[in-house]
């Protein structure tokens, strides 16, 4: 079975859209501040050894680990900023609050919890479990109850006789 994707327009009022836009902008500013702070504290940290002792290899390893960890956090924050920017674009084009998987309205409770979300809970679960196509291909979401022969578009040539 496939879920047909609809092209619904947002059912949110202009006041609700303005509220969500303000929340998204505030979250984006918060993330930007976090990234700048992380960058300043970790990546631009200068070693200031006051003694003439050589730098210990363990200290170098710790510094490298800290930098890699912060780079991973910054990458996660960058991805979240992209999601927020895309949510702001959905507000502008009138599709904010509509699930990109099912085309149905996303409940306000979910939008208030994760205001940059693109998916309703059901579609998000399918994505997390790997039961739906990749995010880029949500036009046709695959469900568990699909017959085995339909799921196997590319049969094993060794089984053909």
C-alpha atoms as a PDB file:
ATOM      1  CA  UNK A   1       0.000   0.000   0.000  1.00  0.00           C
ATOM      2  CA  UNK A   2       1.155   3.490  -0.676  1.00  0.00           C
ATOM      3  CA  UNK A   3       0.111   6.668   1.051  1.00  0.00           C
ATOM      4  CA  UNK A   4      -0.845   9.337  -1.434  1.00  0.00           C
ATOM      5  CA  UNK A   5       0.803  12.651  -0.824  1.00  0.00           C
ATOM      6  CA  UNK A   6      -1.581  15.568  -0.806  1.00  0.00           C
ATOM      7  CA  UNK A   7      -0.782  19.213  -1.360  1.00  0.00           C
ATOM      8  CA  UNK A   8      -2.815  20.764   1.413  1.00  0.00           C
ATOM      9  CA  UNK A   9      -2.319  24.329   2.499  1.00  0.00           C
ATOM     10  CA  UNK A  10      -1.733  25.195   6.120  1.00  0.00           C
ATOM     11  CA  UNK A  11      -4.850  25.286   8.284  1.00  0.00           C
ATOM     12  CA  UNK A  12      -3.158  27.537  10.860  1.00  0.00           C
ATOM     13  CA  UNK A  13      -4.385  31.063  11.433  1.00  0.00           C
ATOM     14  CA  UNK A  14      -2.161  34.039  10.575  1.00  0.00           C
ATOM     15  CA  UNK A  15      -1.674  34.666  14.312  1.00  0.00           C
ATOM     16  CA  UNK A  16      -0.540  31.060  14.873  1.00  0.00           C
ATOM     17  CA  UNK A  17       1.812  31.267  11.903  1.00  0.00           C
ATOM     18  CA  UNK A  18       3.292  34.503  13.283  1.00  0.00           C
ATOM     19  CA  UNK A  19       3.764  32.829  16.667  1.00  0.00           C
ATOM     20  CA  UNK A  20       5.524  29.814  15.128  1.00  0.00           C
ATOM     21  CA  UNK A  21       7.669  32.098  12.992  1.00  0.00           C
ATOM     22  CA  UNK A  22       8.766  33.991  16.122  1.00  0.00           C
ATOM     23  CA  UNK A  23       9.556  30.687  17.889  1.00  0.00           C
ATOM     24  CA  UNK A  24      11.573  29.477  14.907  1.00  0.00           C
ATOM     25  CA  UNK A  25      13.529  32.721  14.654  1.00  0.00           C
ATOM     26  CA  UNK A  26      14.262  32.690  18.390  1.00  0.00           C
ATOM     27  CA  UNK A  27      15.454  29.070  18.213  1.00  0.00           C
ATOM     28  CA  UNK A  28      17.653  29.876  15.218  1.00  0.00           C
ATOM     29  CA  UNK A  29      19.213  32.797  17.110  1.00  0.00           C
ATOM     30  CA  UNK A  30      19.799  30.551  20.138  1.00  0.00           C
ATOM     31  CA  UNK A  31      21.509  27.902  18.005  1.00  0.00           C
ATOM     32  CA  UNK A  32      23.645  30.497  16.254  1.00  0.00           C
ATOM     33  CA  UNK A  33      24.745  31.815  19.641  1.00  0.00           C
ATOM     34  CA  UNK A  34      25.575  28.278  20.781  1.00  0.00           C
ATOM     35  CA  UNK A  35      27.659  27.619  17.677  1.00  0.00           C
ATOM     36  CA  UNK A  36      29.570  30.873  18.030  1.00  0.00           C
ATOM     37  CA  UNK A  37      30.186  30.156  21.710  1.00  0.00           C
ATOM     38  CA  UNK A  38      31.403  26.613  20.998  1.00  0.00           C
ATOM     39  CA  UNK A  39      33.657  27.868  18.257  1.00  0.00           C
ATOM     40  CA  UNK A  40      35.143  30.584  20.464  1.00  0.00           C
ATOM     41  CA  UNK A  41      35.666  28.334  23.477  1.00  0.00           C
ATOM     42  CA  UNK A  42      37.019  25.223  21.812  1.00  0.00           C
ATOM     43  CA  UNK A  43      38.228  25.757  18.309  1.00  0.00           C
ATOM     44  CA  UNK A  44      40.019  29.040  18.908  1.00  0.00           C
ATOM     45  CA  UNK A  45      41.429  28.019  22.279  1.00  0.00           C
ATOM     46  CA  UNK A  46      45.095  28.880  22.549  1.00  0.00           C
ATOM     47  CA  UNK A  47      47.382  26.758  24.664  1.00  0.00           C
ATOM     48  CA  UNK A  48      48.975  28.968  27.238  1.00  0.00           C
ATOM     49  CA  UNK A  49      51.575  26.881  29.008  1.00  0.00           C
ATOM     50  CA  UNK A  50      53.393  29.211  31.349  1.00  0.00           C
ATOM     51  CA  UNK A  51      56.102  26.696  32.074  1.00  0.00           C
ATOM     52  CA  UNK A  52      58.895  25.562  29.814  1.00  0.00           C
ATOM     53  CA  UNK A  53      57.626  21.992  30.018  1.00  0.00           C
ATOM     54  CA  UNK A  54      56.887  20.313  26.690  1.00  0.00           C
ATOM     55  CA  UNK A  55      53.248  19.634  25.819  1.00  0.00           C
ATOM     56  CA  UNK A  56      52.231  16.160  26.941  1.00  0.00           C
ATOM     57  CA  UNK A  57      50.841  13.799  24.254  1.00  0.00           C
ATOM     58  CA  UNK A  58      47.786  13.065  26.410  1.00  0.00           C
ATOM     59  CA  UNK A  59      46.949  16.768  26.455  1.00  0.00           C
ATOM     60  CA  UNK A  60      47.159  16.892  22.680  1.00  0.00           C
ATOM     61  CA  UNK A  61      44.877  13.840  22.472  1.00  0.00           C
ATOM     62  CA  UNK A  62      42.362  15.441  24.820  1.00  0.00           C
ATOM     63  CA  UNK A  63      42.409  18.669  22.820  1.00  0.00           C
ATOM     64  CA  UNK A  64      41.861  16.741  19.576  1.00  0.00           C
ATOM     65  CA  UNK A  65      38.975  14.794  21.131  1.00  0.00           C
ATOM     66  CA  UNK A  66      37.390  18.014  22.386  1.00  0.00           C
ATOM     67  CA  UNK A  67      37.677  19.591  18.945  1.00  0.00           C
ATOM     68  CA  UNK A  68      36.147  16.546  17.213  1.00  0.00           C
ATOM     69  CA  UNK A  69      33.320  16.459  19.750  1.00  0.00           C
ATOM     70  CA  UNK A  70      32.560  20.145  19.276  1.00  0.00           C
ATOM     71  CA  UNK A  71      32.706  19.788  15.490  1.00  0.00           C
ATOM     72  CA  UNK A  72      30.105  17.007  15.765  1.00  0.00           C
ATOM     73  CA  UNK A  73      27.879  19.202  17.924  1.00  0.00           C
ATOM     74  CA  UNK A  74      28.276  22.088  15.516  1.00  0.00           C
ATOM     75  CA  UNK A  75      27.300  19.825  12.616  1.00  0.00           C
ATOM     76  CA  UNK A  76      24.150  18.778  14.489  1.00  0.00           C
ATOM     77  CA  UNK A  77      23.333  22.423  15.196  1.00  0.00           C
ATOM     78  CA  UNK A  78      23.923  23.289  11.527  1.00  0.00           C
ATOM     79  CA  UNK A  79      21.464  20.569  10.474  1.00  0.00           C
ATOM     80  CA  UNK A  80      18.886  21.868  12.944  1.00  0.00           C
ATOM     81  CA  UNK A  81      19.343  25.403  11.601  1.00  0.00           C
ATOM     82  CA  UNK A  82      18.679  24.043   8.102  1.00  0.00           C
ATOM     83  CA  UNK A  83      15.463  22.398   9.359  1.00  0.00           C
ATOM     84  CA  UNK A  84      14.416  25.692  10.948  1.00  0.00           C
ATOM     85  CA  UNK A  85      15.140  27.615   7.738  1.00  0.00           C
ATOM     86  CA  UNK A  86      13.069  25.097   5.785  1.00  0.00           C
ATOM     87  CA  UNK A  87      10.219  25.490   8.301  1.00  0.00           C
ATOM     88  CA  UNK A  88      10.386  29.268   7.803  1.00  0.00           C
ATOM     89  CA  UNK A  89      10.170  28.673   4.033  1.00  0.00           C
ATOM     90  CA  UNK A  90       7.094  26.480   4.585  1.00  0.00           C
ATOM     91  CA  UNK A  91       5.488  29.333   6.512  1.00  0.00           C
ATOM     92  CA  UNK A  92       6.171  31.645   3.567  1.00  0.00           C
ATOM     93  CA  UNK A  93       4.771  29.251   0.965  1.00  0.00           C
ATOM     94  CA  UNK A  94       1.723  28.281   3.045  1.00  0.00           C
ATOM     95  CA  UNK A  95       2.547  24.626   3.711  1.00  0.00           C
ATOM     96  CA  UNK A  96       3.743  24.915   7.326  1.00  0.00           C
ATOM     97  CA  UNK A  97       1.964  22.444   9.609  1.00  0.00           C
ATOM     98  CA  UNK A  98       1.265  19.969   6.809  1.00  0.00           C
ATOM     99  CA  UNK A  99       3.000  16.574   7.011  1.00  0.00           C
ATOM    100  CA  UNK A 100       5.339  16.064   4.072  1.00  0.00           C
ATOM    101  CA  UNK A 101       4.683  12.320   4.211  1.00  0.00           C
ATOM    102  CA  UNK A 102       0.910  12.110   4.416  1.00  0.00           C
ATOM    103  CA  UNK A 103      -0.197  15.586   3.398  1.00  0.00           C
ATOM    104  CA  UNK A 104      -2.375  15.757   6.517  1.00  0.00           C
ATOM    105  CA  UNK A 105      -2.247  18.548   9.127  1.00  0.00           C
ATOM    106  CA  UNK A 106       0.322  18.064  11.896  1.00  0.00           C
ATOM    107  CA  UNK A 107      -1.382  18.391  15.298  1.00  0.00           C
ATOM    108  CA  UNK A 108      -0.694  21.670  17.124  1.00  0.00           C
ATOM    109  CA  UNK A 109       0.705  19.764  20.119  1.00  0.00           C
ATOM    110  CA  UNK A 110       3.444  18.296  17.921  1.00  0.00           C
ATOM    111  CA  UNK A 111       4.163  21.655  16.296  1.00  0.00           C
ATOM    112  CA  UNK A 112       4.504  23.263  19.711  1.00  0.00           C
ATOM    113  CA  UNK A 113       6.905  20.533  20.857  1.00  0.00           C
ATOM    114  CA  UNK A 114       9.024  20.486  17.677  1.00  0.00           C
ATOM    115  CA  UNK A 115       8.074  23.607  15.753  1.00  0.00           C
ATOM    116  CA  UNK A 116      10.408  22.818  12.827  1.00  0.00           C
ATOM    117  CA  UNK A 117       8.934  19.323  12.287  1.00  0.00           C
ATOM    118  CA  UNK A 118       7.978  18.250   8.799  1.00  0.00           C
ATOM    119  CA  UNK A 119       6.151  15.068   9.719  1.00  0.00           C
ATOM    120  CA  UNK A 120       3.237  13.867  11.804  1.00  0.00           C
ATOM    121  CA  UNK A 121       4.027  11.287  14.485  1.00  0.00           C
ATOM    122  CA  UNK A 122       3.001   8.329  12.301  1.00  0.00           C
ATOM    123  CA  UNK A 123       5.259   9.335   9.401  1.00  0.00           C
ATOM    124  CA  UNK A 124       8.140  10.204  11.734  1.00  0.00           C
ATOM    125  CA  UNK A 125       7.880   6.716  13.275  1.00  0.00           C
ATOM    126  CA  UNK A 126       7.986   5.123   9.837  1.00  0.00           C
ATOM    127  CA  UNK A 127      11.103   7.102   8.976  1.00  0.00           C
ATOM    128  CA  UNK A 128      12.814   6.219  12.258  1.00  0.00           C
ATOM    129  CA  UNK A 129      12.072   2.515  11.850  1.00  0.00           C
ATOM    130  CA  UNK A 130      13.258   2.553   8.245  1.00  0.00           C
ATOM    131  CA  UNK A 131       9.813   1.484   7.035  1.00  0.00           C
ATOM    132  CA  UNK A 132       9.485   4.497   4.776  1.00  0.00           C
ATOM    133  CA  UNK A 133      11.570   5.558   1.846  1.00  0.00           C
ATOM    134  CA  UNK A 134      14.334   8.079   2.428  1.00  0.00           C
ATOM    135  CA  UNK A 135      13.201  11.584   3.331  1.00  0.00           C
ATOM    136  CA  UNK A 136      13.820  12.768  -0.224  1.00  0.00           C
ATOM    137  CA  UNK A 137      11.434  10.111  -1.603  1.00  0.00           C
ATOM    138  CA  UNK A 138       8.385  10.466   0.611  1.00  0.00           C
ATOM    139  CA  UNK A 139       6.008  10.739  -2.315  1.00  0.00           C
ATOM    140  CA  UNK A 140       5.425   6.997  -1.933  1.00  0.00           C
ATOM    141  CA  UNK A 141       5.871   5.792   1.640  1.00  0.00           C
ATOM    142  CA  UNK A 142       6.278   2.042   2.098  1.00  0.00           C
ATOM    143  CA  UNK A 143       4.380   0.344   4.923  1.00  0.00           C
ATOM    144  CA  UNK A 144       4.987  -2.987   6.732  1.00  0.00           C
ATOM    145  CA  UNK A 145       1.865  -4.663   5.360  1.00  0.00           C
ATOM    146  CA  UNK A 146       3.072  -4.442   1.755  1.00  0.00           C
ATOM    147  CA  UNK A 147       3.239  -7.942   0.195  1.00  0.00           C
ATOM    148  CA  UNK A 148       6.737  -9.445  -0.074  1.00  0.00           C
ATOM    149  CA  UNK A 149       6.633  -9.690  -3.844  1.00  0.00           C
ATOM    150  CA  UNK A 150       5.967  -5.948  -4.162  1.00  0.00           C
ATOM    151  CA  UNK A 151       8.765  -5.090  -1.713  1.00  0.00           C
ATOM    152  CA  UNK A 152      11.319  -6.981  -3.776  1.00  0.00           C
ATOM    153  CA  UNK A 153      11.584  -4.910  -6.948  1.00  0.00           C
ATOM    154  CA  UNK A 154      15.005  -6.376  -7.708  1.00  0.00           C
ATOM    155  CA  UNK A 155      14.779 -10.175  -7.163  1.00  0.00           C
ATOM    156  CA  UNK A 156      17.882 -12.250  -6.560  1.00  0.00           C
ATOM    157  CA  UNK A 157      18.968 -13.659  -9.965  1.00  0.00           C
ATOM    158  CA  UNK A 158      20.179 -16.839  -8.229  1.00  0.00           C
ATOM    159  CA  UNK A 159      16.590 -17.670  -7.260  1.00  0.00           C
ATOM    160  CA  UNK A 160      15.320 -17.443 -10.829  1.00  0.00           C
ATOM    161  CA  UNK A 161      15.195 -20.830 -12.604  1.00  0.00           C
END
